[in-house]
Amino acid sequence: MTTSQVKDLSNTKKKISITIPKQKVSDYLQRAYQKIGQTAKINGFRKGKIPTTVLDKHYQAEINYELMNFIISDSYSNVLTTKNLNPVTEPKFDAQPVDREKDYSYSVEIEVQPEFELKDYKNIEVKKKKSTIKDEELENELKRLQESLAQLAPVKEDDTLNKGLVATIDFEGTIDGKSFDGGSAKDYTFEY
């Protein structure tokens, strides 16, 4: 039976030590052989029919990787479920290569949300600060909003330019009948 211990390192940090018995390691090893054997290609053998001793000879690193992957992923997720732990960060594993003939132990550090007690908040009085706005401030803000949302629209050609209207004009200034630098513009917009 897989055993596990959870040690509190701090209010939010925990260290989990997990030990998998030798028999279960052997079961995981068979799963690793089966997974690698389904895709392994060795001359003289059909896929899925390669003996484990031959697989070990040609694919030992891959088998060890799958063995460790099966052990850690299954046991780690089972411990999280049984101990009701919800990590908020990626786990930090401290795992050594698996010795197939012994129990396997590894540890992992995780961070969880801190536990806290919600105090009685319903009887807390909160004083509401009353805001006062002067009429002048309100008018200024409304005017600013109107100007920021205003859109220009064409007027009739014979309309008079009144105060507050915007005009777009082309002009050319001269001194003694001669043009000068900066004295002309096209599509110049100004507010009257």
Protein backbone atom coordinates (compact mmCIF):
# COMPACT_ATOMS: atom_id res chain seq x y z
CA MET A 1 0.00 0.00 0.00
CA THR A 2 1.27 3.45 -0.92
CA THR A 3 2.03 5.59 2.12
CA SER A 4 2.30 9.34 2.37
CA GLN A 5 3.09 11.96 4.97
CA VAL A 6 2.38 15.67 4.76
CA LYS A 7 4.69 17.99 6.69
CA ASP A 8 3.88 21.68 7.14
CA LEU A 9 6.92 23.80 6.26
CA SER A 10 4.98 27.04 6.71
CA ASN A 11 1.41 28.30 6.65
CA THR A 12 1.32 27.85 2.87
CA LYS A 13 4.15 25.42 2.07
CA LYS A 14 3.90 21.66 2.50
CA LYS A 15 6.30 18.77 1.90
CA ILE A 16 4.74 15.47 0.90
CA SER A 17 6.77 12.27 1.29
CA ILE A 18 5.41 9.33 -0.70
CA THR A 19 6.51 5.67 -0.61
CA ILE A 20 5.35 3.12 -3.18
CA PRO A 21 5.78 -0.57 -2.23
CA LYS A 22 7.95 -2.87 -4.35
CA GLN A 23 4.91 -4.83 -5.65
CA LYS A 24 3.26 -1.67 -6.94
CA VAL A 25 6.56 -0.60 -8.56
CA SER A 26 6.48 -3.96 -10.36
CA ASP A 27 2.91 -3.28 -11.56
CA TYR A 28 3.94 0.13 -12.89
CA LEU A 29 6.93 -1.52 -14.61
CA GLN A 30 4.55 -3.84 -16.48
CA ARG A 31 2.56 -0.80 -17.65
CA ALA A 32 5.78 0.83 -18.85
CA TYR A 33 6.77 -2.34 -20.77
CA GLN A 34 3.32 -2.45 -22.35
CA LYS A 35 3.41 1.20 -23.43
CA ILE A 36 6.92 1.03 -24.92
CA GLY A 37 6.25 -2.43 -26.43
CA GLN A 38 3.29 -1.11 -28.45
CA THR A 39 5.49 1.23 -30.48
CA ALA A 40 8.94 -0.39 -30.25
CA LYS A 41 10.51 -1.70 -33.46
CA ILE A 42 13.04 -4.50 -33.12
CA ASN A 43 13.95 -6.76 -36.05
CA GLY A 44 12.56 -10.27 -35.65
CA PHE A 45 9.68 -9.24 -33.38
CA ARG A 46 6.16 -7.99 -34.01
CA LYS A 47 4.92 -4.82 -32.32
CA GLY A 48 3.45 -5.62 -28.94
CA LYS A 49 5.05 -9.10 -28.87
CA ILE A 50 8.60 -8.20 -27.81
CA PRO A 51 9.77 -9.95 -24.59
CA THR A 52 10.48 -7.62 -21.67
CA THR A 53 14.14 -8.70 -21.48
CA VAL A 54 14.66 -7.66 -25.12
CA LEU A 55 12.77 -4.40 -24.54
CA ASP A 56 14.98 -3.66 -21.53
CA LYS A 57 18.10 -4.21 -23.62
CA HIS A 58 17.06 -1.76 -26.37
CA TYR A 59 14.74 0.72 -24.59
CA GLN A 60 15.91 0.80 -20.96
CA ALA A 61 16.04 4.62 -20.69
CA GLU A 62 12.54 5.01 -22.17
CA ILE A 63 11.15 2.28 -19.90
CA ASN A 64 12.70 3.89 -16.81
CA TYR A 65 11.26 7.26 -17.85
CA GLU A 66 7.76 5.81 -18.31
CA LEU A 67 8.05 3.86 -15.04
CA MET A 68 8.91 7.01 -13.10
CA ASN A 69 6.21 8.96 -14.92
CA PHE A 70 3.53 6.37 -14.07
CA ILE A 71 4.61 6.15 -10.42
CA ILE A 72 4.79 9.88 -9.78
CA SER A 73 1.71 10.98 -11.73
CA ASP A 74 -0.55 8.33 -10.18
CA SER A 75 0.69 8.55 -6.60
CA TYR A 76 0.96 12.36 -6.54
CA SER A 77 -2.59 12.90 -7.82
CA ASN A 78 -3.94 10.24 -5.41
CA VAL A 79 -2.29 11.93 -2.43
CA LEU A 80 -3.65 15.33 -3.44
CA THR A 81 -7.14 13.85 -3.60
CA THR A 82 -6.99 11.82 -0.38
CA LYS A 83 -5.34 14.59 1.67
CA ASN A 84 -7.61 17.26 0.14
CA LEU A 85 -4.71 19.45 -1.02
CA ASN A 86 -5.07 22.07 -3.74
CA PRO A 87 -1.67 23.40 -4.88
CA VAL A 88 -1.55 26.96 -6.17
CA THR A 89 1.94 26.64 -7.71
CA GLU A 90 3.84 24.06 -9.73
CA PRO A 91 5.12 21.21 -7.53
CA LYS A 92 8.87 20.81 -6.87
CA PHE A 93 9.74 17.13 -7.03
CA ASP A 94 12.76 15.55 -5.35
CA ALA A 95 12.88 12.17 -7.08
CA GLN A 96 15.73 9.74 -7.71
CA PRO A 97 15.85 7.02 -10.40
CA VAL A 98 13.67 4.02 -9.60
CA ASP A 99 15.28 0.83 -8.26
CA ARG A 100 12.92 -1.82 -9.62
CA GLU A 101 13.67 -4.27 -6.79
CA LYS A 102 12.83 -1.98 -3.85
CA ASP A 103 10.14 0.28 -2.47
CA TYR A 104 10.33 3.69 -4.14
CA SER A 105 10.24 6.95 -2.19
CA TYR A 106 10.21 10.55 -3.32
CA SER A 107 9.11 13.91 -1.97
CA VAL A 108 7.42 16.96 -3.39
CA GLU A 109 6.99 20.51 -2.10
CA ILE A 110 3.84 22.43 -2.89
CA GLU A 111 2.28 25.73 -1.92
CA VAL A 112 -1.38 25.90 -0.97
CA GLN A 113 -3.74 28.72 -0.12
CA PRO A 114 -3.46 29.76 3.51
CA GLU A 115 -6.29 28.79 5.79
CA PHE A 116 -7.99 31.66 7.53
CA GLU A 117 -11.02 32.19 9.65
CA LEU A 118 -13.60 34.63 8.41
CA LYS A 119 -14.50 36.91 11.27
CA ASP A 120 -17.96 38.32 11.88
CA TYR A 121 -18.13 41.14 9.36
CA LYS A 122 -21.88 41.77 9.37
CA ASN A 123 -21.81 44.00 12.46
CA ILE A 124 -18.98 46.23 11.28
CA GLU A 125 -20.10 49.81 10.81
CA VAL A 126 -18.76 51.65 7.82
CA LYS A 127 -19.06 55.40 7.67
CA LYS A 128 -19.97 56.67 4.28
CA LYS A 129 -18.23 59.85 3.31
CA LYS A 130 -20.61 62.31 1.72
CA SER A 131 -19.35 63.79 -1.51
CA THR A 132 -20.30 67.30 -2.47
CA ILE A 133 -19.94 68.71 -5.95
CA LYS A 134 -20.14 72.41 -6.65
CA ASP A 135 -22.37 73.56 -9.50
CA GLU A 136 -19.35 75.11 -11.21
CA GLU A 137 -17.44 71.79 -11.13
CA LEU A 138 -20.45 69.98 -12.57
CA GLU A 139 -20.84 72.53 -15.37
CA ASN A 140 -17.12 72.35 -16.21
CA GLU A 141 -17.19 68.56 -16.37
CA LEU A 142 -20.32 68.54 -18.55
CA LYS A 143 -18.74 71.08 -20.90
CA ARG A 144 -15.55 68.99 -21.09
CA LEU A 145 -17.60 65.88 -21.93
CA GLN A 146 -19.57 67.75 -24.59
CA GLU A 147 -16.39 69.02 -26.22
CA SER A 148 -14.74 65.60 -26.18
CA LEU A 149 -17.80 64.00 -27.79
CA ALA A 150 -18.58 66.84 -30.21
CA GLN A 151 -18.47 66.14 -33.94
CA LEU A 152 -17.89 68.65 -36.71
CA ALA A 153 -20.67 69.01 -39.26
CA PRO A 154 -20.68 71.10 -42.45
CA VAL A 155 -22.71 74.32 -42.56
CA LYS A 156 -24.29 76.10 -45.50
CA GLU A 157 -21.89 78.09 -47.63
CA ASP A 158 -23.58 81.40 -47.00
CA ASP A 159 -23.72 80.93 -43.17
CA THR A 160 -21.91 83.45 -41.01
CA LEU A 161 -19.05 82.30 -38.76
CA ASN A 162 -20.30 82.86 -35.22
CA LYS A 163 -18.45 82.56 -31.93
CA GLY A 164 -17.87 78.91 -30.91
CA LEU A 165 -17.97 77.58 -34.47
CA VAL A 166 -15.01 75.85 -36.08
CA ALA A 167 -13.83 76.73 -39.57
CA THR A 168 -11.46 74.94 -41.94
CA ILE A 169 -9.86 77.29 -44.47
CA ASP A 170 -7.07 77.60 -47.02
CA PHE A 171 -5.11 80.87 -46.85
CA GLU A 172 -2.04 82.57 -48.24
CA GLY A 173 -0.52 85.63 -46.63
CA THR A 174 1.61 88.18 -48.50
CA ILE A 175 3.77 91.15 -47.65
CA ASP A 176 3.88 93.77 -50.37
CA GLY A 177 2.30 91.22 -52.71
CA LYS A 178 4.97 88.55 -52.05
CA SER A 179 4.44 85.21 -50.25
CA PHE A 180 6.58 84.40 -47.19
CA ASP A 181 7.54 81.22 -45.27
CA GLY A 182 4.78 80.03 -42.92
CA GLY A 183 2.32 82.47 -44.41
CA SER A 184 0.10 79.88 -46.08
CA ALA A 185 -1.80 76.71 -45.19
CA LYS A 186 -4.37 74.31 -46.58
CA ASP A 187 -7.17 72.80 -44.46
CA TYR A 188 -6.25 74.96 -41.46
CA THR A 189 -8.79 74.48 -38.66
CA PHE A 190 -9.54 77.06 -35.98
CA GLU A 191 -12.30 77.94 -33.55
CA TYR A 192 -13.78 81.42 -33.81
